[in-house]
Amino acid sequence: MKKFLGILAIAGMLVACNNAADSTDNTKDSLDSVEKAQKDTIENVSDRAKDSVDAKMDAAKDSVDAKDSLKK
């Protein structure tokens, strides 16, 4: 009887452990996709900010160049 209960306990433990391993793979995939989405968002925002700063810098340079040409 003790052997039967021992085998039943071991079988139950193996089944429970097997189910837990499957869920961690899904969690890792989910975390990877969230990380990729956040990285893409950050890259898009930084690209737009850089473009905005570059446009303002070019406009300021053109303004200074125009004023210099008027002084001459």
Protein backbone atom coordinates (compact mmCIF):
# COMPACT_ATOMS: atom_id res chain seq x y z
CA MET A 1 0.00 0.00 0.00
CA LYS A 2 2.88 2.38 0.79
CA LYS A 3 4.46 1.67 -2.58
CA PHE A 4 1.19 2.40 -4.35
CA LEU A 5 0.80 5.74 -2.51
CA GLY A 6 4.44 6.61 -3.24
CA ILE A 7 4.03 5.90 -6.96
CA LEU A 8 0.78 7.90 -7.00
CA ALA A 9 2.48 10.85 -5.28
CA ILE A 10 5.42 10.80 -7.69
CA ALA A 11 3.11 10.58 -10.71
CA GLY A 12 1.04 13.48 -9.42
CA MET A 13 4.14 15.58 -8.86
CA LEU A 14 5.44 14.88 -12.37
CA VAL A 15 2.12 15.85 -13.93
CA ALA A 16 1.98 19.09 -11.92
CA CYS A 17 5.56 20.02 -12.78
CA ASN A 18 5.01 19.31 -16.45
CA ASN A 19 2.14 21.82 -16.67
CA ALA A 20 4.15 24.57 -14.98
CA ALA A 21 6.96 24.28 -17.54
CA ASP A 22 4.63 24.99 -20.44
CA SER A 23 3.33 28.23 -18.96
CA THR A 24 6.80 29.74 -18.50
CA ASP A 25 7.50 29.42 -22.23
CA ASN A 26 4.33 31.35 -23.02
CA THR A 27 5.21 34.00 -20.44
CA LYS A 28 8.69 34.43 -21.91
CA ASP A 29 7.27 34.84 -25.42
CA SER A 30 4.79 37.40 -24.13
CA LEU A 31 7.52 39.36 -22.34
CA ASP A 32 9.70 39.31 -25.46
CA SER A 33 6.89 40.74 -27.59
CA VAL A 34 6.18 43.47 -25.01
CA GLU A 35 9.88 44.35 -24.90
CA LYS A 36 10.03 44.58 -28.71
CA ALA A 37 6.95 46.81 -28.83
CA GLN A 38 8.37 49.15 -26.19
CA LYS A 39 11.73 49.31 -27.97
CA ASP A 40 10.00 50.16 -31.27
CA THR A 41 7.98 52.90 -29.58
CA ILE A 42 11.07 54.44 -28.00
CA GLU A 43 12.94 54.36 -31.32
CA ASN A 44 10.03 56.04 -33.13
CA VAL A 45 9.75 58.79 -30.53
CA SER A 46 13.49 59.45 -30.56
CA ASP A 47 13.56 59.57 -34.37
CA ARG A 48 10.71 62.11 -34.43
CA ALA A 49 12.41 64.22 -31.74
CA LYS A 50 15.68 64.19 -33.69
CA ASP A 51 13.92 65.20 -36.89
CA SER A 52 12.17 68.05 -35.08
CA VAL A 53 15.42 69.36 -33.58
CA ASP A 54 17.18 69.10 -36.94
CA ALA A 55 14.39 71.05 -38.66
CA LYS A 56 14.52 73.81 -36.03
CA MET A 57 18.30 73.97 -36.27
CA ASP A 58 18.15 74.27 -40.07
CA ALA A 59 15.53 77.02 -39.82
CA ALA A 60 17.65 78.95 -37.31
CA LYS A 61 20.74 78.56 -39.53
CA ASP A 62 18.81 79.83 -42.55
CA SER A 63 17.59 82.81 -40.52
CA VAL A 64 21.12 83.69 -39.42
CA ASP A 65 22.42 83.31 -42.97
CA ALA A 66 19.65 85.58 -44.28
CA LYS A 67 20.49 88.26 -41.71
CA ASP A 68 24.18 88.04 -42.58
CA SER A 69 23.46 88.50 -46.28
CA LEU A 70 21.36 91.61 -45.52
CA LYS A 71 24.21 93.19 -43.51
CA LYS A 72 26.62 92.91 -46.45
